[in-house]
Amino acid sequence: MSWKFDQAPNVACITCQSVIDGHPVLIATHYEDDHSWGFMDGAPIDMAKALVVAMSEVVGRHPDLDEVADLPPGWSATRVAVGDSWSKQRDDWASEV
């Protein structure tokens, strides 16, 4: 398997325990400020329970994430379930402040 992401496999990303436990990734975010990544399951985010792990830990468990590896910084992708198409959109963090 070739690595398709713009960050190295050992670079940290944000995720949650359920994604590590095998629940599907339904939200992928490529942060604009530092080009880091976040992979979440779609449940409400509790940052107190967020995990910081190597990208390879998530991508290795969810190889279908290769479908969003070309997501530009400042964009997110969402889907309803594994196998569904990803919907990609530019993030508007300024409107959330």
Protein backbone atom coordinates (compact mmCIF):
# COMPACT_ATOMS: atom_id res chain seq x y z
CA MET A 1 0.00 0.00 0.00
CA SER A 2 1.43 3.39 -0.94
CA TRP A 3 0.94 6.34 1.39
CA LYS A 4 -1.30 8.96 -0.26
CA PHE A 5 -1.58 11.64 2.42
CA ASP A 6 0.43 14.88 2.48
CA GLN A 7 1.62 14.14 6.02
CA ALA A 8 3.93 11.25 6.91
CA PRO A 9 2.48 8.10 8.51
CA ASN A 10 4.05 8.96 11.87
CA VAL A 11 2.58 12.49 12.01
CA ALA A 12 -0.02 13.03 14.73
CA CYS A 13 -3.72 13.31 13.96
CA ILE A 14 -6.83 13.79 16.09
CA THR A 15 -9.34 10.98 16.48
CA CYS A 16 -11.55 9.28 19.05
CA GLN A 17 -11.48 5.88 20.76
CA SER A 18 -14.35 4.47 18.71
CA VAL A 19 -12.40 5.04 15.46
CA ILE A 20 -9.43 3.19 16.95
CA ASP A 21 -11.83 0.43 18.04
CA GLY A 22 -13.03 0.01 14.44
CA HIS A 23 -16.12 2.22 14.20
CA PRO A 24 -16.29 3.89 10.78
CA VAL A 25 -14.74 7.26 10.06
CA LEU A 26 -17.59 9.48 8.85
CA ILE A 27 -15.81 12.85 9.10
CA ALA A 28 -12.32 13.63 7.83
CA THR A 29 -10.89 17.11 8.33
CA HIS A 30 -7.70 18.51 6.85
CA TYR A 31 -6.96 21.54 9.01
CA GLU A 32 -5.84 24.67 7.23
CA ASP A 33 -3.67 26.18 9.98
CA ASP A 34 -1.11 23.39 10.31
CA HIS A 35 -2.20 20.88 7.63
CA SER A 36 -2.91 18.27 10.30
CA TRP A 37 -5.79 15.79 10.01
CA GLY A 38 -8.74 14.72 12.13
CA PHE A 39 -10.76 11.51 11.70
CA MET A 40 -14.02 11.22 13.63
CA ASP A 41 -16.98 8.86 13.80
CA GLY A 42 -19.72 11.49 13.49
CA ALA A 43 -20.76 11.44 17.16
CA PRO A 44 -20.69 14.74 19.07
CA ILE A 45 -17.08 15.66 19.71
CA ASP A 46 -15.87 15.73 23.30
CA MET A 47 -12.37 17.19 23.07
CA ALA A 48 -11.66 15.93 26.60
CA LYS A 49 -11.83 12.42 25.13
CA ALA A 50 -10.01 13.15 21.88
CA LEU A 51 -6.93 11.09 21.10
CA VAL A 52 -3.74 12.14 19.36
CA VAL A 53 -2.24 9.21 17.45
CA ALA A 54 -0.04 8.60 14.42
CA MET A 55 -1.96 8.90 11.16
CA SER A 56 -0.90 5.35 10.31
CA GLU A 57 -2.88 4.09 13.33
CA VAL A 58 -6.12 5.39 11.81
CA VAL A 59 -5.41 4.87 8.11
CA GLY A 60 -4.15 1.34 8.80
CA ARG A 61 -7.48 0.47 10.43
CA HIS A 62 -9.52 2.34 7.80
CA PRO A 63 -7.79 1.95 4.40
CA ASP A 64 -10.85 3.43 2.67
CA LEU A 65 -9.61 6.83 3.92
CA ASP A 66 -7.34 6.86 0.87
CA GLU A 67 -10.46 8.23 -0.87
CA VAL A 68 -9.99 11.57 0.96
CA ALA A 69 -6.17 11.74 0.96
CA ASP A 70 -6.31 14.49 -1.68
CA LEU A 71 -8.55 16.70 0.47
CA PRO A 72 -7.03 20.21 0.46
CA PRO A 73 -6.11 21.93 3.73
CA GLY A 74 -9.13 23.83 5.02
CA TRP A 75 -11.60 21.21 3.80
CA SER A 76 -13.63 18.42 5.37
CA ALA A 77 -15.32 15.36 3.94
CA THR A 78 -18.37 13.62 5.39
CA ARG A 79 -20.35 10.52 4.57
CA VAL A 80 -23.32 8.71 6.09
CA ALA A 81 -21.78 5.23 6.14
CA VAL A 82 -18.81 3.23 4.86
CA GLY A 83 -19.26 2.67 1.14
CA ASP A 84 -21.21 5.91 0.66
CA SER A 85 -19.75 8.77 -1.35
CA TRP A 86 -17.82 11.44 0.49
CA SER A 87 -19.26 14.96 0.41
CA LYS A 88 -16.41 17.47 0.40
CA GLN A 89 -16.78 21.05 1.57
CA ARG A 90 -14.55 23.99 2.41
CA ASP A 91 -14.50 24.69 6.15
CA ASP A 92 -15.71 28.07 7.37
CA TRP A 93 -14.23 28.25 10.85
CA ALA A 94 -14.72 32.04 11.02
CA SER A 95 -18.50 31.62 11.13
CA GLU A 96 -18.21 29.29 14.15
CA VAL A 97 -16.41 31.83 16.37
